[in-house]
Protein backbone atom coordinates (compact mmCIF):
# COMPACT_ATOMS: atom_id res chain seq x y z
CA MET A 1 -18.62 13.09 36.57
CA ILE A 2 -21.11 14.01 34.11
CA GLN A 3 -20.38 16.07 31.02
CA LEU A 4 -23.26 18.16 29.47
CA TYR A 5 -23.03 19.30 26.36
CA GLY A 6 -24.45 22.12 24.44
CA LEU A 7 -24.07 25.82 24.35
CA ARG A 8 -25.56 28.30 27.12
CA MET A 9 -28.27 30.01 24.90
CA SER A 10 -30.50 27.33 24.06
CA ASN A 11 -33.05 27.03 26.55
CA TYR A 12 -33.31 22.89 26.99
CA TYR A 13 -29.30 23.17 27.63
CA SER A 14 -30.26 25.92 30.78
CA LEU A 15 -33.40 23.60 31.59
CA VAL A 16 -30.92 20.42 32.03
CA LYS A 17 -28.06 22.59 33.69
CA ALA A 18 -31.12 23.71 36.16
CA LEU A 19 -31.74 20.31 36.84
CA LEU A 20 -28.21 19.34 37.60
CA VAL A 21 -27.86 22.20 39.86
CA GLU A 22 -31.06 21.27 41.52
CA LYS A 23 -29.83 17.81 42.08
CA GLU A 24 -26.45 18.97 43.30
CA VAL A 25 -24.87 16.84 40.87
CA ASP A 26 -21.25 17.36 39.68
CA PHE A 27 -21.24 18.11 35.90
CA GLU A 28 -18.62 20.00 33.68
CA GLU A 29 -19.96 21.89 30.58
CA VAL A 30 -18.80 21.41 27.23
CA LYS A 31 -19.32 23.91 24.37
CA ALA A 32 -20.79 21.79 21.44
CA PRO A 33 -22.86 23.63 18.36
CA PRO A 34 -25.79 21.97 17.22
CA THR A 35 -24.50 20.15 13.98
CA GLN A 36 -24.66 17.09 11.70
CA GLU A 37 -20.84 16.17 12.38
CA GLU A 38 -20.45 12.78 13.52
CA ASP A 39 -19.06 13.54 16.71
CA ASN A 40 -22.00 15.53 17.59
CA LEU A 41 -24.17 12.91 16.50
CA VAL A 42 -22.63 9.99 17.94
CA ARG A 43 -24.29 12.40 21.50
CA THR A 44 -27.46 13.30 19.77
CA PRO A 45 -29.01 11.69 17.01
CA MET A 46 -30.66 14.44 15.53
CA GLY A 47 -27.56 17.03 16.33
CA LYS A 48 -29.58 18.90 19.06
CA MET A 49 -28.58 20.69 22.28
CA PRO A 50 -28.22 19.17 24.95
CA SER A 51 -26.98 16.33 25.59
CA ILE A 52 -25.25 14.85 28.59
CA GLY A 53 -22.21 12.05 28.69
CA VAL A 54 -21.94 9.85 31.75
CA ASP A 55 -18.96 6.99 32.11
CA GLY A 56 -18.67 6.80 28.25
CA GLY A 57 -22.28 6.79 27.44
CA TYR A 58 -24.39 9.61 26.21
CA MET A 59 -28.03 10.67 26.27
CA SER A 60 -30.19 13.44 24.59
CA GLU A 61 -33.43 14.81 25.04
CA SER A 62 -34.31 17.11 28.43
CA LEU A 63 -37.11 14.32 29.67
CA ALA A 64 -35.09 11.76 28.81
CA ILE A 65 -32.14 13.54 30.71
CA ALA A 66 -34.69 14.51 33.52
CA SER A 67 -36.13 11.26 34.41
CA TYR A 68 -32.03 9.54 34.46
CA LEU A 69 -31.25 12.57 36.99
CA ASP A 70 -34.21 11.12 39.33
CA ARG A 71 -33.18 8.23 39.29
CA VAL A 72 -29.28 8.21 39.89
CA GLN A 73 -29.78 11.29 42.18
CA PRO A 74 -33.38 10.81 44.00
CA GLU A 75 -33.79 13.83 46.38
CA PRO A 76 -34.71 16.39 46.03
CA ALA A 77 -37.64 14.64 43.85
CA LEU A 78 -38.14 16.21 40.30
CA LEU A 79 -41.93 13.96 40.35
CA PRO A 80 -44.28 12.97 43.05
CA GLY A 81 -43.89 9.46 44.19
CA ASP A 82 -47.31 8.94 43.77
CA ALA A 83 -47.31 7.62 40.45
CA PHE A 84 -50.55 9.09 38.56
CA ALA A 85 -49.16 12.35 40.19
CA ALA A 86 -45.97 11.73 38.56
CA GLY A 87 -47.66 11.10 35.11
CA LYS A 88 -49.23 14.18 35.39
CA VAL A 89 -46.20 16.06 35.61
CA VAL A 90 -45.21 14.24 32.81
CA GLU A 91 -48.09 14.80 31.27
CA LEU A 92 -47.45 18.63 31.91
CA ALA A 93 -44.06 18.73 30.75
CA CYS A 94 -45.07 17.66 27.59
CA HIS A 95 -47.91 20.31 26.62
CA LEU A 96 -45.56 22.94 27.45
CA LYS A 97 -43.29 21.39 25.16
CA LEU A 98 -45.20 20.57 22.36
CA ASP A 99 -48.07 22.66 22.00
CA VAL A 100 -46.57 25.68 23.23
CA GLU A 101 -42.68 25.80 22.70
CA LEU A 102 -42.11 23.80 19.32
CA VAL A 103 -45.06 25.70 18.22
CA ALA A 104 -43.44 29.32 18.95
CA ARG A 105 -40.41 27.66 17.42
CA ARG A 106 -41.84 28.05 13.91
CA CYS A 107 -41.06 31.63 14.13
CA LEU A 108 -37.46 32.00 15.91
CA PRO A 109 -35.30 31.97 12.72
CA GLU A 110 -37.59 35.39 12.11
CA ALA A 111 -37.69 36.63 15.49
CA PHE A 112 -33.90 36.20 16.75
CA PHE A 113 -31.77 35.02 13.69
CA GLY A 114 -32.74 37.64 11.12
CA GLY A 115 -34.39 35.07 8.90
CA LYS A 116 -38.05 35.47 7.12
CA VAL A 117 -40.92 32.76 8.01
CA SER A 118 -44.15 33.28 6.09
CA ASP A 119 -47.21 34.56 6.84
CA GLU A 120 -48.87 31.00 6.30
CA THR A 121 -46.59 30.08 9.34
CA LYS A 122 -47.42 33.12 11.56
CA GLU A 123 -50.95 32.14 11.23
CA SER A 124 -50.94 29.04 12.00
CA THR A 125 -48.47 29.71 14.98
CA ARG A 126 -50.79 32.38 16.36
CA ALA A 127 -53.79 29.94 16.01
CA ASP A 128 -52.26 26.81 17.13
CA LEU A 129 -50.83 28.83 20.10
CA ALA A 130 -54.26 30.12 21.39
CA LYS A 131 -55.20 26.60 21.15
CA GLY A 132 -52.04 25.30 23.22
CA MET A 133 -52.51 27.85 25.75
CA LYS A 134 -56.10 26.88 26.49
CA ALA A 135 -55.61 23.05 26.48
CA LEU A 136 -52.72 24.30 29.05
CA ASP A 137 -55.07 26.06 31.20
CA ARG A 138 -56.95 22.97 31.32
CA ILE A 139 -53.96 21.36 33.47
CA PHE A 140 -51.92 24.06 34.86
CA VAL A 141 -52.34 23.75 38.41
CA GLY A 142 -50.23 26.44 39.74
CA ASP A 143 -50.80 26.95 42.91
CA PRO A 144 -48.44 27.39 43.92
CA TYR A 145 -46.39 25.44 41.97
CA ALA A 146 -47.12 24.05 38.21
CA ALA A 147 -48.66 20.88 39.34
CA GLY A 148 -49.74 21.52 42.43
CA GLU A 149 -48.31 22.01 46.07
CA GLU A 150 -44.77 20.90 45.38
CA LEU A 151 -41.70 22.11 43.17
CA THR A 152 -41.25 19.35 40.38
CA LEU A 153 -39.97 19.04 36.44
CA ALA A 154 -42.78 20.69 35.32
CA ASP A 155 -41.97 23.88 36.59
CA PHE A 156 -38.88 23.82 34.89
CA TYR A 157 -40.41 23.14 31.96
CA THR A 158 -42.56 26.53 32.45
CA PHE A 159 -39.60 28.67 33.07
CA TYR A 160 -37.61 27.84 29.86
CA THR A 161 -40.67 27.42 27.74
CA PHE A 162 -41.96 30.72 28.28
CA GLY A 163 -38.42 32.13 28.57
CA LEU A 164 -38.12 31.19 24.78
CA SER A 165 -41.78 31.38 23.53
CA GLY A 166 -42.48 34.93 25.36
CA GLY A 167 -39.59 36.73 23.83
CA ILE A 168 -40.62 35.08 20.28
CA VAL A 169 -44.26 36.42 20.86
CA GLN A 170 -43.31 39.56 22.03
CA LYS A 171 -41.09 39.75 19.26
CA ILE A 172 -43.21 38.64 15.94
CA PHE A 173 -46.91 39.48 17.11
CA GLY A 174 -45.83 42.52 19.71
CA GLU A 175 -47.92 40.67 22.57
CA ASP A 176 -47.45 39.19 25.71
CA ILE A 177 -48.00 35.40 25.59
CA LEU A 178 -48.96 35.07 29.40
CA GLU A 179 -51.52 38.14 29.43
CA GLY A 180 -54.67 36.86 30.66
CA HIS A 181 -52.24 33.86 32.40
CA PRO A 182 -51.68 34.80 36.06
CA LYS A 183 -51.14 31.18 37.30
CA ILE A 184 -48.17 30.91 34.97
CA GLN A 185 -47.44 34.04 35.70
CA GLY A 186 -47.20 33.78 39.27
CA VAL A 187 -45.26 30.32 38.83
CA MET A 188 -42.22 32.37 36.20
CA ALA A 189 -41.81 34.97 38.87
CA ARG A 190 -41.21 32.39 41.88
CA MET A 191 -38.83 29.99 39.70
CA ALA A 192 -36.87 33.14 38.45
CA GLU A 193 -35.90 33.64 41.95
CA HIS A 194 -35.54 29.88 42.60
CA PRO A 195 -31.29 29.11 43.22
CA SER A 196 -30.77 26.55 41.19
CA VAL A 197 -32.54 28.34 38.12
CA ALA A 198 -31.07 31.86 39.46
CA ARG A 199 -27.99 30.51 39.04
CA VAL A 200 -28.05 29.31 35.72
CA GLU A 201 -29.67 32.84 34.41
CA ALA A 202 -26.72 34.44 36.06
CA GLU A 203 -24.48 32.17 34.40
CA LYS A 204 -25.60 33.12 30.83
CA ALA A 205 -25.51 36.60 31.14
CA SER A 206 -21.54 36.69 32.61
């Protein structure tokens, strides 16, 4: 059985949990906050969430874990069978993570944890988010799913990217990050009702 380490508050933890549920892979949740303690660094070299344990070995980073899960449990597939189409799904997931979620995360301390970020950081975040959203619009299909006709890994990344980023942008700037992005809004609504995601979100709130 796979051990899933982290905390339910983490969007990447929730993403990986949703993938495990989607794949119907047996797993157990192990509470493990992000620390620099040695026992945690053995599992995840930067001390981040989440990580998984598999037969005494460990793996971190959501994209790596998703790739592993697609190999050990091919159905339902997270990536298309066509090599180029699969690459486009990963490309979309990378842009969601790097150009939206990680950009918005710069303001996370002030948005949710009572900290402060500088005005310069807020200005650069706003500018870089606008650039990232424009880039995303170029490759986001949303008809009906993020990468096209089939549910893929990119849909899970979409939901958990904007679940966090949307909250940060609303708190810091008083804006809706998805205003003017109907294709992404549609995928968000569809994924909120998707069984694996709905279960993860319900358990998070319990």
